[in-house]
Amino acid sequence: MAHGYASDKDAILTRLRRVEGQVRGIARMIEDDTYCIDVLTQVSAATRALEKVALLLLDDHLGHCVRDAARRGGPEADVKLAEASAAIARLVRS
């Protein structure tokens, strides 16, 4: 079964590799005793980059998985809507 993000998989992986590089850079900054505000700035940038990945995944989930389940109706639609609602709540709390 293809997931909702299948069409954006390459873009998502590219973004995640970029975040991975940012996190390695932050670790180097700590190793090099970089000024704390500069480190926090980079942590904030990495956090925003991960949030963009999360929003892209959520958009794909709503546009594919939830939409398809809603068309079919029944208990599966309720489950997919509850999953999406919980995911949104987690993103808002973070």
C-alpha atoms as a PDB file:
ATOM      1  CA  MET A   1       0.000   0.000   0.000  1.00  0.00           C
ATOM      2  CA  ALA A   2       1.384   3.400  -0.981  1.00  0.00           C
ATOM      3  CA  HIS A   3       1.386   6.026   1.726  1.00  0.00           C
ATOM      4  CA  GLY A   4       0.097   9.539   1.161  1.00  0.00           C
ATOM      5  CA  TYR A   5       3.609  10.929   0.984  1.00  0.00           C
ATOM      6  CA  ALA A   6       4.702   8.571  -1.815  1.00  0.00           C
ATOM      7  CA  SER A   7       4.596  11.342  -4.428  1.00  0.00           C
ATOM      8  CA  ASP A   8       6.678  13.649  -2.197  1.00  0.00           C
ATOM      9  CA  LYS A   9       9.078  10.999  -0.891  1.00  0.00           C
ATOM     10  CA  ASP A  10      12.178  12.398  -2.616  1.00  0.00           C
ATOM     11  CA  ALA A  11      11.444  15.946  -1.428  1.00  0.00           C
ATOM     12  CA  ILE A  12      10.850  14.739   2.118  1.00  0.00           C
ATOM     13  CA  LEU A  13      14.062  12.728   2.148  1.00  0.00           C
ATOM     14  CA  THR A  14      15.978  15.742   0.818  1.00  0.00           C
ATOM     15  CA  ARG A  15      14.573  17.913   3.596  1.00  0.00           C
ATOM     16  CA  LEU A  16      15.388  15.290   6.223  1.00  0.00           C
ATOM     17  CA  ARG A  17      18.968  14.983   4.976  1.00  0.00           C
ATOM     18  CA  ARG A  18      19.286  18.742   5.245  1.00  0.00           C
ATOM     19  CA  VAL A  19      17.983  18.616   8.832  1.00  0.00           C
ATOM     20  CA  GLU A  20      20.399  15.793   9.582  1.00  0.00           C
ATOM     21  CA  GLY A  21      23.243  18.013   8.370  1.00  0.00           C
ATOM     22  CA  GLN A  22      21.963  20.881  10.500  1.00  0.00           C
ATOM     23  CA  VAL A  23      21.908  18.674  13.600  1.00  0.00           C
ATOM     24  CA  ARG A  24      25.466  17.454  12.912  1.00  0.00           C
ATOM     25  CA  GLY A  25      26.474  21.098  12.559  1.00  0.00           C
ATOM     26  CA  ILE A  26      24.884  21.904  15.908  1.00  0.00           C
ATOM     27  CA  ALA A  27      26.823  19.053  17.522  1.00  0.00           C
ATOM     28  CA  ARG A  28      30.051  20.481  16.050  1.00  0.00           C
ATOM     29  CA  MET A  29      29.129  23.888  17.409  1.00  0.00           C
ATOM     30  CA  ILE A  30      28.791  22.396  20.890  1.00  0.00           C
ATOM     31  CA  GLU A  31      32.099  20.537  20.495  1.00  0.00           C
ATOM     32  CA  ASP A  32      33.737  23.819  19.438  1.00  0.00           C
ATOM     33  CA  ASP A  33      32.222  25.736  22.378  1.00  0.00           C
ATOM     34  CA  THR A  34      30.294  28.074  20.094  1.00  0.00           C
ATOM     35  CA  TYR A  35      28.426  30.956  21.720  1.00  0.00           C
ATOM     36  CA  CYS A  36      25.125  29.680  23.112  1.00  0.00           C
ATOM     37  CA  ILE A  37      22.898  32.155  21.240  1.00  0.00           C
ATOM     38  CA  ASP A  38      24.426  31.062  17.938  1.00  0.00           C
ATOM     39  CA  VAL A  39      23.729  27.417  18.829  1.00  0.00           C
ATOM     40  CA  LEU A  40      20.150  28.254  19.793  1.00  0.00           C
ATOM     41  CA  THR A  41      19.667  30.024  16.464  1.00  0.00           C
ATOM     42  CA  GLN A  42      20.695  26.852  14.647  1.00  0.00           C
ATOM     43  CA  VAL A  43      18.481  24.689  16.882  1.00  0.00           C
ATOM     44  CA  SER A  44      15.570  26.963  15.990  1.00  0.00           C
ATOM     45  CA  ALA A  45      16.338  26.613  12.271  1.00  0.00           C
ATOM     46  CA  ALA A  46      16.485  22.811  12.533  1.00  0.00           C
ATOM     47  CA  THR A  47      13.221  22.787  14.469  1.00  0.00           C
ATOM     48  CA  ARG A  48      11.501  24.880  11.786  1.00  0.00           C
ATOM     49  CA  ALA A  49      12.855  22.563   9.087  1.00  0.00           C
ATOM     50  CA  LEU A  50      11.412  19.525  10.894  1.00  0.00           C
ATOM     51  CA  GLU A  51       8.109  21.333  11.318  1.00  0.00           C
ATOM     52  CA  LYS A  52       8.001  21.879   7.544  1.00  0.00           C
ATOM     53  CA  VAL A  53       8.515  18.144   7.019  1.00  0.00           C
ATOM     54  CA  ALA A  54       5.731  17.415   9.502  1.00  0.00           C
ATOM     55  CA  LEU A  55       3.354  19.809   7.738  1.00  0.00           C
ATOM     56  CA  LEU A  56       4.152  18.291   4.362  1.00  0.00           C
ATOM     57  CA  LEU A  57       3.462  14.799   5.728  1.00  0.00           C
ATOM     58  CA  LEU A  58       0.243  15.980   7.350  1.00  0.00           C
ATOM     59  CA  ASP A  59      -0.923  17.639   4.149  1.00  0.00           C
ATOM     60  CA  ASP A  60      -0.214  14.450   2.207  1.00  0.00           C
ATOM     61  CA  HIS A  61      -2.027  12.373   4.851  1.00  0.00           C
ATOM     62  CA  LEU A  62      -5.099  14.589   4.681  1.00  0.00           C
ATOM     63  CA  GLY A  63      -5.066  14.712   0.897  1.00  0.00           C
ATOM     64  CA  HIS A  64      -4.624  10.986   0.413  1.00  0.00           C
ATOM     65  CA  CYS A  65      -5.329   8.735   3.389  1.00  0.00           C
ATOM     66  CA  VAL A  66      -8.062  10.776   5.063  1.00  0.00           C
ATOM     67  CA  ARG A  67      -9.739  11.787   1.806  1.00  0.00           C
ATOM     68  CA  ASP A  68      -9.836   8.177   0.569  1.00  0.00           C
ATOM     69  CA  ALA A  69     -11.171   6.886   3.895  1.00  0.00           C
ATOM     70  CA  ALA A  70     -13.822   9.624   3.961  1.00  0.00           C
ATOM     71  CA  ARG A  71     -14.988   8.610   0.494  1.00  0.00           C
ATOM     72  CA  ARG A  72     -15.372   5.009   1.667  1.00  0.00           C
ATOM     73  CA  GLY A  73     -17.014   6.102   4.912  1.00  0.00           C
ATOM     74  CA  GLY A  74     -17.628   3.876   7.895  1.00  0.00           C
ATOM     75  CA  PRO A  75     -15.373   3.251  10.880  1.00  0.00           C
ATOM     76  CA  GLU A  76     -12.163   3.627   8.859  1.00  0.00           C
ATOM     77  CA  ALA A  77     -13.070   7.236   8.080  1.00  0.00           C
ATOM     78  CA  ASP A  78     -13.570   7.931  11.771  1.00  0.00           C
ATOM     79  CA  VAL A  79     -10.196   6.361  12.591  1.00  0.00           C
ATOM     80  CA  LYS A  80      -8.351   8.390   9.926  1.00  0.00           C
ATOM     81  CA  LEU A  81      -9.986  11.630  11.047  1.00  0.00           C
ATOM     82  CA  ALA A  82      -9.092  10.900  14.685  1.00  0.00           C
ATOM     83  CA  GLU A  83      -5.494  10.128  13.667  1.00  0.00           C
ATOM     84  CA  ALA A  84      -5.250  13.401  11.754  1.00  0.00           C
ATOM     85  CA  SER A  85      -6.753  15.352  14.645  1.00  0.00           C
ATOM     86  CA  ALA A  86      -4.280  13.787  17.111  1.00  0.00           C
ATOM     87  CA  ALA A  87      -1.361  14.520  14.774  1.00  0.00           C
ATOM     88  CA  ILE A  88      -2.426  18.154  14.476  1.00  0.00           C
ATOM     89  CA  ALA A  89      -2.720  18.401  18.264  1.00  0.00           C
ATOM     90  CA  ARG A  90       0.812  17.006  18.668  1.00  0.00           C
ATOM     91  CA  LEU A  91       2.185  19.533  16.183  1.00  0.00           C
ATOM     92  CA  VAL A  92       0.435  22.418  17.883  1.00  0.00           C
ATOM     93  CA  ARG A  93       1.741  21.385  21.305  1.00  0.00           C
ATOM     94  CA  SER A  94       5.328  21.073  20.101  1.00  0.00           C
END
